[in-house]
C-alpha atoms as a PDB file:
ATOM      1  CA  UNK A   1      80.213 111.387 116.274  1.00  0.00           C
ATOM      2  CA  UNK A   2      79.559 109.321 113.163  1.00  0.00           C
ATOM      3  CA  UNK A   3      80.816 110.098 109.646  1.00  0.00           C
ATOM      4  CA  UNK A   4      77.377 111.215 108.422  1.00  0.00           C
ATOM      5  CA  UNK A   5      77.010 113.584 111.381  1.00  0.00           C
ATOM      6  CA  UNK A   6      80.466 115.104 110.785  1.00  0.00           C
ATOM      7  CA  UNK A   7      79.692 115.523 107.078  1.00  0.00           C
ATOM      8  CA  UNK A   8      76.434 117.252 107.972  1.00  0.00           C
ATOM      9  CA  UNK A   9      78.261 119.755 110.181  1.00  0.00           C
ATOM     10  CA  UNK A  10      80.367 120.774 107.172  1.00  0.00           C
ATOM     11  CA  UNK A  11      77.291 121.610 105.070  1.00  0.00           C
ATOM     12  CA  UNK A  12      76.330 124.814 106.888  1.00  0.00           C
ATOM     13  CA  UNK A  13      77.539 127.522 109.266  1.00  0.00           C
ATOM     14  CA  UNK A  14      76.712 126.411 112.841  1.00  0.00           C
ATOM     15  CA  UNK A  15      77.084 129.958 114.178  1.00  0.00           C
ATOM     16  CA  UNK A  16      74.573 131.428 111.713  1.00  0.00           C
ATOM     17  CA  UNK A  17      70.825 131.767 112.303  1.00  0.00           C
ATOM     18  CA  UNK A  18      69.009 130.891 109.070  1.00  0.00           C
ATOM     19  CA  UNK A  19      65.553 131.912 107.899  1.00  0.00           C
ATOM     20  CA  UNK A  20      63.022 129.220 108.820  1.00  0.00           C
ATOM     21  CA  UNK A  21      62.612 127.834 105.293  1.00  0.00           C
ATOM     22  CA  UNK A  22      66.341 127.557 104.690  1.00  0.00           C
ATOM     23  CA  UNK A  23      66.934 126.055 108.135  1.00  0.00           C
ATOM     24  CA  UNK A  24      64.231 123.452 107.483  1.00  0.00           C
ATOM     25  CA  UNK A  25      65.808 122.490 104.157  1.00  0.00           C
ATOM     26  CA  UNK A  26      69.178 122.016 105.889  1.00  0.00           C
ATOM     27  CA  UNK A  27      67.610 119.813 108.568  1.00  0.00           C
ATOM     28  CA  UNK A  28      65.847 117.698 105.934  1.00  0.00           C
ATOM     29  CA  UNK A  29      69.031 117.373 103.843  1.00  0.00           C
ATOM     30  CA  UNK A  30      71.051 116.314 106.877  1.00  0.00           C
ATOM     31  CA  UNK A  31      68.542 113.709 108.093  1.00  0.00           C
ATOM     32  CA  UNK A  32      70.568 110.847 106.631  1.00  0.00           C
ATOM     33  CA  UNK A  33      69.461 107.898 108.765  1.00  0.00           C
ATOM     34  CA  UNK A  34      67.827 104.895 107.091  1.00  0.00           C
ATOM     35  CA  UNK A  35      64.531 105.541 108.930  1.00  0.00           C
ATOM     36  CA  UNK A  36      62.125 108.476 108.592  1.00  0.00           C
ATOM     37  CA  UNK A  37      63.628 110.833 111.158  1.00  0.00           C
ATOM     38  CA  UNK A  38      61.484 113.047 113.370  1.00  0.00           C
ATOM     39  CA  UNK A  39      62.060 116.792 113.086  1.00  0.00           C
ATOM     40  CA  UNK A  40      62.109 118.575 116.443  1.00  0.00           C
ATOM     41  CA  UNK A  41      62.037 122.179 117.569  1.00  0.00           C
ATOM     42  CA  UNK A  42      63.924 123.476 120.602  1.00  0.00           C
ATOM     43  CA  UNK A  43      62.930 126.936 121.854  1.00  0.00           C
ATOM     44  CA  UNK A  44      64.843 128.708 124.628  1.00  0.00           C
ATOM     45  CA  UNK A  45      62.701 131.294 126.409  1.00  0.00           C
ATOM     46  CA  UNK A  46      63.817 134.293 128.446  1.00  0.00           C
ATOM     47  CA  UNK A  47      61.779 133.444 131.520  1.00  0.00           C
ATOM     48  CA  UNK A  48      62.396 131.769 134.869  1.00  0.00           C
ATOM     49  CA  UNK A  49      60.790 128.293 134.980  1.00  0.00           C
ATOM     50  CA  UNK A  50      61.147 128.279 138.776  1.00  0.00           C
ATOM     51  CA  UNK A  51      58.476 130.982 139.068  1.00  0.00           C
ATOM     52  CA  UNK A  52      54.856 129.806 139.140  1.00  0.00           C
ATOM     53  CA  UNK A  53      53.714 132.841 137.149  1.00  0.00           C
ATOM     54  CA  UNK A  54      56.229 132.174 134.360  1.00  0.00           C
ATOM     55  CA  UNK A  55      55.150 128.724 133.221  1.00  0.00           C
ATOM     56  CA  UNK A  56      54.532 127.995 129.549  1.00  0.00           C
ATOM     57  CA  UNK A  57      52.487 124.913 128.767  1.00  0.00           C
ATOM     58  CA  UNK A  58      49.804 124.017 126.277  1.00  0.00           C
ATOM     59  CA  UNK A  59      48.497 121.610 123.672  1.00  0.00           C
ATOM     60  CA  UNK A  60      48.093 121.980 119.946  1.00  0.00           C
ATOM     61  CA  UNK A  61      46.823 119.862 117.079  1.00  0.00           C
ATOM     62  CA  UNK A  62      49.488 120.353 114.408  1.00  0.00           C
ATOM     63  CA  UNK A  63      48.057 121.188 110.955  1.00  0.00           C
ATOM     64  CA  UNK A  64      49.795 118.189 109.397  1.00  0.00           C
ATOM     65  CA  UNK A  65      50.016 115.908 112.433  1.00  0.00           C
ATOM     66  CA  UNK A  66      53.220 114.405 113.793  1.00  0.00           C
ATOM     67  CA  UNK A  67      53.604 111.438 111.466  1.00  0.00           C
ATOM     68  CA  UNK A  68      53.283 109.075 114.406  1.00  0.00           C
ATOM     69  CA  UNK A  69      50.128 107.180 115.284  1.00  0.00           C
ATOM     70  CA  UNK A  70      49.853 107.175 119.049  1.00  0.00           C
ATOM     71  CA  UNK A  71      48.222 104.357 120.987  1.00  0.00           C
ATOM     72  CA  UNK A  72      45.537 105.688 123.310  1.00  0.00           C
ATOM     73  CA  UNK A  73      44.249 104.186 126.547  1.00  0.00           C
ATOM     74  CA  UNK A  74      40.964 105.588 127.860  1.00  0.00           C
ATOM     75  CA  UNK A  75      40.011 104.891 131.463  1.00  0.00           C
ATOM     76  CA  UNK A  76      36.248 105.389 131.630  1.00  0.00           C
ATOM     77  CA  UNK A  77      32.952 103.629 132.292  1.00  0.00           C
ATOM     78  CA  UNK A  78      29.548 103.324 130.643  1.00  0.00           C
ATOM     79  CA  UNK A  79      28.682 105.726 127.842  1.00  0.00           C
ATOM     80  CA  UNK A  80      32.097 107.411 127.966  1.00  0.00           C
ATOM     81  CA  UNK A  81      33.812 104.069 127.489  1.00  0.00           C
ATOM     82  CA  UNK A  82      31.557 103.302 124.511  1.00  0.00           C
ATOM     83  CA  UNK A  83      32.262 106.758 123.052  1.00  0.00           C
ATOM     84  CA  UNK A  84      36.020 106.233 123.427  1.00  0.00           C
ATOM     85  CA  UNK A  85      35.782 102.888 121.645  1.00  0.00           C
ATOM     86  CA  UNK A  86      33.801 104.461 118.808  1.00  0.00           C
ATOM     87  CA  UNK A  87      36.318 107.312 118.519  1.00  0.00           C
ATOM     88  CA  UNK A  88      39.147 104.879 117.855  1.00  0.00           C
ATOM     89  CA  UNK A  89      40.824 104.421 121.250  1.00  0.00           C
ATOM     90  CA  UNK A  90      43.217 101.464 121.221  1.00  0.00           C
ATOM     91  CA  UNK A  91      42.428 100.360 124.776  1.00  0.00           C
ATOM     92  CA  UNK A  92      39.355 101.110 126.907  1.00  0.00           C
ATOM     93  CA  UNK A  93      38.580 100.028 130.441  1.00  0.00           C
ATOM     94  CA  UNK A  94      38.287 101.042 134.074  1.00  0.00           C
ATOM     95  CA  UNK A  95      39.740  99.490 137.225  1.00  0.00           C
ATOM     96  CA  UNK A  96      40.941  96.433 135.303  1.00  0.00           C
ATOM     97  CA  UNK A  97      43.279  98.609 133.207  1.00  0.00           C
ATOM     98  CA  UNK A  98      44.760 100.186 136.342  1.00  0.00           C
ATOM     99  CA  UNK A  99      45.260  96.697 137.763  1.00  0.00           C
ATOM    100  CA  UNK A 100      46.978  95.580 134.547  1.00  0.00           C
ATOM    101  CA  UNK A 101      49.445  98.458 134.806  1.00  0.00           C
ATOM    102  CA  UNK A 102      50.046  97.747 138.504  1.00  0.00           C
ATOM    103  CA  UNK A 103      50.481  94.006 138.352  1.00  0.00           C
ATOM    104  CA  UNK A 104      51.930  93.476 134.873  1.00  0.00           C
ATOM    105  CA  UNK A 105      53.912  96.731 134.537  1.00  0.00           C
ATOM    106  CA  UNK A 106      52.047  97.192 131.245  1.00  0.00           C
ATOM    107  CA  UNK A 107      52.666 100.400 129.309  1.00  0.00           C
ATOM    108  CA  UNK A 108      51.568  99.533 125.800  1.00  0.00           C
ATOM    109  CA  UNK A 109      50.134 102.995 125.176  1.00  0.00           C
ATOM    110  CA  UNK A 110      51.436 106.499 124.444  1.00  0.00           C
ATOM    111  CA  UNK A 111      48.631 108.586 125.954  1.00  0.00           C
ATOM    112  CA  UNK A 112      46.165 107.981 128.780  1.00  0.00           C
ATOM    113  CA  UNK A 113      42.831 109.811 128.750  1.00  0.00           C
ATOM    114  CA  UNK A 114      40.350 109.619 131.603  1.00  0.00           C
ATOM    115  CA  UNK A 115      37.143 111.179 132.846  1.00  0.00           C
ATOM    116  CA  UNK A 116      37.156 113.335 136.019  1.00  0.00           C
ATOM    117  CA  UNK A 117      35.204 110.703 137.989  1.00  0.00           C
ATOM    118  CA  UNK A 118      37.958 108.127 137.366  1.00  0.00           C
ATOM    119  CA  UNK A 119      40.852 110.309 138.521  1.00  0.00           C
ATOM    120  CA  UNK A 120      40.670 108.827 142.023  1.00  0.00           C
ATOM    121  CA  UNK A 121      41.340 105.390 140.556  1.00  0.00           C
ATOM    122  CA  UNK A 122      44.025 106.630 138.167  1.00  0.00           C
ATOM    123  CA  UNK A 123      45.694 108.551 140.998  1.00  0.00           C
ATOM    124  CA  UNK A 124      46.559 105.251 142.706  1.00  0.00           C
ATOM    125  CA  UNK A 125      49.239 104.650 140.084  1.00  0.00           C
ATOM    126  CA  UNK A 126      50.405 108.246 139.785  1.00  0.00           C
ATOM    127  CA  UNK A 127      53.907 107.249 140.938  1.00  0.00           C
ATOM    128  CA  UNK A 128      54.096 104.861 137.961  1.00  0.00           C
ATOM    129  CA  UNK A 129      52.570 107.182 135.361  1.00  0.00           C
ATOM    130  CA  UNK A 130      54.247 110.431 136.430  1.00  0.00           C
ATOM    131  CA  UNK A 131      57.896 109.579 135.648  1.00  0.00           C
ATOM    132  CA  UNK A 132      56.843 108.340 132.198  1.00  0.00           C
ATOM    133  CA  UNK A 133      54.873 111.501 131.416  1.00  0.00           C
ATOM    134  CA  UNK A 134      51.649 109.516 131.150  1.00  0.00           C
ATOM    135  CA  UNK A 135      49.641 111.009 134.026  1.00  0.00           C
ATOM    136  CA  UNK A 136      46.387 112.536 132.690  1.00  0.00           C
ATOM    137  CA  UNK A 137      46.062 116.281 133.256  1.00  0.00           C
ATOM    138  CA  UNK A 138      43.191 118.717 132.597  1.00  0.00           C
ATOM    139  CA  UNK A 139      45.681 121.258 131.153  1.00  0.00           C
ATOM    140  CA  UNK A 140      46.737 118.810 128.469  1.00  0.00           C
ATOM    141  CA  UNK A 141      43.146 117.850 127.694  1.00  0.00           C
ATOM    142  CA  UNK A 142      43.551 114.288 128.924  1.00  0.00           C
ATOM    143  CA  UNK A 143      41.114 114.616 131.844  1.00  0.00           C
ATOM    144  CA  UNK A 144      37.787 115.359 130.205  1.00  0.00           C
ATOM    145  CA  UNK A 145      34.198 114.253 129.800  1.00  0.00           C
ATOM    146  CA  UNK A 146      34.509 114.733 126.034  1.00  0.00           C
ATOM    147  CA  UNK A 147      36.553 111.602 125.433  1.00  0.00           C
ATOM    148  CA  UNK A 148      35.515 111.481 121.777  1.00  0.00           C
ATOM    149  CA  UNK A 149      37.194 114.794 121.026  1.00  0.00           C
ATOM    150  CA  UNK A 150      40.228 113.951 123.166  1.00  0.00           C
ATOM    151  CA  UNK A 151      40.855 110.679 121.337  1.00  0.00           C
ATOM    152  CA  UNK A 152      40.329 112.262 117.915  1.00  0.00           C
ATOM    153  CA  UNK A 153      42.764 115.088 118.680  1.00  0.00           C
ATOM    154  CA  UNK A 154      45.509 112.709 119.819  1.00  0.00           C
ATOM    155  CA  UNK A 155      45.014 110.590 116.698  1.00  0.00           C
ATOM    156  CA  UNK A 156      45.080 113.744 114.533  1.00  0.00           C
ATOM    157  CA  UNK A 157      48.493 114.754 115.850  1.00  0.00           C
ATOM    158  CA  UNK A 158      48.061 116.695 119.077  1.00  0.00           C
ATOM    159  CA  UNK A 159      51.300 117.650 120.816  1.00  0.00           C
ATOM    160  CA  UNK A 160      51.935 119.031 124.274  1.00  0.00           C
ATOM    161  CA  UNK A 161      54.575 121.683 124.724  1.00  0.00           C
ATOM    162  CA  UNK A 162      55.938 122.692 128.106  1.00  0.00           C
ATOM    163  CA  UNK A 163      58.898 124.507 129.564  1.00  0.00           C
ATOM    164  CA  UNK A 164      61.575 122.329 131.148  1.00  0.00           C
ATOM    165  CA  UNK A 165      63.822 123.233 134.083  1.00  0.00           C
ATOM    166  CA  UNK A 166      66.342 124.909 131.776  1.00  0.00           C
ATOM    167  CA  UNK A 167      63.689 127.204 130.194  1.00  0.00           C
ATOM    168  CA  UNK A 168      63.619 125.238 126.924  1.00  0.00           C
ATOM    169  CA  UNK A 169      60.625 123.772 125.086  1.00  0.00           C
ATOM    170  CA  UNK A 170      61.342 120.578 123.126  1.00  0.00           C
ATOM    171  CA  UNK A 171      58.651 119.363 120.730  1.00  0.00           C
ATOM    172  CA  UNK A 172      58.349 117.157 117.621  1.00  0.00           C
ATOM    173  CA  UNK A 173      56.799 118.836 114.572  1.00  0.00           C
ATOM    174  CA  UNK A 174      56.672 115.979 112.071  1.00  0.00           C
ATOM    175  CA  UNK A 175      58.750 113.613 109.977  1.00  0.00           C
ATOM    176  CA  UNK A 176      61.459 114.257 107.388  1.00  0.00           C
ATOM    177  CA  UNK A 177      59.144 112.768 104.747  1.00  0.00           C
ATOM    178  CA  UNK A 178      56.633 115.593 105.278  1.00  0.00           C
ATOM    179  CA  UNK A 179      58.827 117.920 103.230  1.00  0.00           C
ATOM    180  CA  UNK A 180      59.587 121.584 103.834  1.00  0.00           C
ATOM    181  CA  UNK A 181      56.100 123.025 103.276  1.00  0.00           C
ATOM    182  CA  UNK A 182      54.221 120.814 105.755  1.00  0.00           C
ATOM    183  CA  UNK A 183      56.991 121.004 108.346  1.00  0.00           C
ATOM    184  CA  UNK A 184      56.998 124.805 108.086  1.00  0.00           C
ATOM    185  CA  UNK A 185      53.223 124.895 108.601  1.00  0.00           C
ATOM    186  CA  UNK A 186      53.633 122.849 111.776  1.00  0.00           C
ATOM    187  CA  UNK A 187      56.605 124.991 112.861  1.00  0.00           C
ATOM    188  CA  UNK A 188      54.674 128.241 112.454  1.00  0.00           C
ATOM    189  CA  UNK A 189      51.588 126.866 114.203  1.00  0.00           C
ATOM    190  CA  UNK A 190      53.631 125.784 117.218  1.00  0.00           C
ATOM    191  CA  UNK A 191      55.622 129.021 117.407  1.00  0.00           C
ATOM    192  CA  UNK A 192      52.392 131.047 117.233  1.00  0.00           C
ATOM    193  CA  UNK A 193      51.001 129.003 120.133  1.00  0.00           C
ATOM    194  CA  UNK A 194      54.166 129.554 122.195  1.00  0.00           C
ATOM    195  CA  UNK A 195      54.018 133.311 121.531  1.00  0.00           C
ATOM    196  CA  UNK A 196      50.344 133.451 122.575  1.00  0.00           C
ATOM    197  CA  UNK A 197      51.222 131.550 125.774  1.00  0.00           C
ATOM    198  CA  UNK A 198      53.675 134.257 126.865  1.00  0.00           C
ATOM    199  CA  UNK A 199      53.185 134.832 130.626  1.00  0.00           C
ATOM    200  CA  UNK A 200      52.154 138.308 131.729  1.00  0.00           C
ATOM    201  CA  UNK A 201      55.087 138.261 134.171  1.00  0.00           C
ATOM    202  CA  UNK A 202      57.637 137.742 131.377  1.00  0.00           C
ATOM    203  CA  UNK A 203      59.986 140.685 130.869  1.00  0.00           C
ATOM    204  CA  UNK A 204      62.624 141.405 128.240  1.00  0.00           C
ATOM    205  CA  UNK A 205      63.221 139.181 125.231  1.00  0.00           C
ATOM    206  CA  UNK A 206      60.773 136.272 125.303  1.00  0.00           C
ATOM    207  CA  UNK A 207      62.209 133.991 122.594  1.00  0.00           C
ATOM    208  CA  UNK A 208      65.970 133.740 123.123  1.00  0.00           C
ATOM    209  CA  UNK A 209      66.744 131.141 120.473  1.00  0.00           C
ATOM    210  CA  UNK A 210      65.090 128.614 118.164  1.00  0.00           C
ATOM    211  CA  UNK A 211      66.821 125.489 116.874  1.00  0.00           C
ATOM    212  CA  UNK A 212      65.618 122.777 114.494  1.00  0.00           C
ATOM    213  CA  UNK A 213      67.069 119.269 114.380  1.00  0.00           C
ATOM    214  CA  UNK A 214      66.251 115.776 113.176  1.00  0.00           C
ATOM    215  CA  UNK A 215      66.537 112.654 115.330  1.00  0.00           C
ATOM    216  CA  UNK A 216      70.113 111.873 114.267  1.00  0.00           C
ATOM    217  CA  UNK A 217      71.145 115.169 112.690  1.00  0.00           C
ATOM    218  CA  UNK A 218      72.789 118.315 114.077  1.00  0.00           C
ATOM    219  CA  UNK A 219      70.856 121.403 115.178  1.00  0.00           C
ATOM    220  CA  UNK A 220      70.334 124.386 112.876  1.00  0.00           C
ATOM    221  CA  UNK A 221      69.673 127.820 114.370  1.00  0.00           C
ATOM    222  CA  UNK A 222      66.609 129.724 113.165  1.00  0.00           C
ATOM    223  CA  UNK A 223      66.380 133.483 112.816  1.00  0.00           C
ATOM    224  CA  UNK A 224      63.112 134.106 114.630  1.00  0.00           C
ATOM    225  CA  UNK A 225      62.314 137.709 115.444  1.00  0.00           C
ATOM    226  CA  UNK A 226      58.555 137.772 116.137  1.00  0.00           C
ATOM    227  CA  UNK A 227      59.103 137.972 119.899  1.00  0.00           C
END
């Protein structure tokens, strides 16, 4: 651990769960890197991710965005391709884009959006896209006929949250430079979405713990008692 990290650990009680506003201020104060650190939320849920009826997954456009401009590739033809271009997609194409990924190992994009009719073509490179988390999925809004809306939402700061194998959701909620107020708005919006996504099969305490952290800073526990 570096000197800045060790100093940060001395600035608060690691065993204590702070109110969200106070926790956010601690995270911001301890984000001491020379770059604008990302603030992330880590939510442990009291459900079993191995059960199909206990999955938590969704998408949300954060009120204040993420602070990162994502590069979008849209795989579509005709009018949908034109619409994607007009909406601000960084790359638009059809089979030639799939070929570029296959032959050149090109991954100069953060999100791939496609129309349902092109999924057969996209599926050919599923083994390349899947491990990188780039495979389009209807649940995440990246397989759609409304490519205009999909592109605009990604550019506006749409995030996908999903439960991992250890029953934890990890998700960015903005940059240190946003300040406490904007980060709290994003925090509350995401937590509300996670609460609404509670599976019917979930029993007992749903939210086990909530932790906030910056890219290079230590985690701060949040006292969250809405679920």
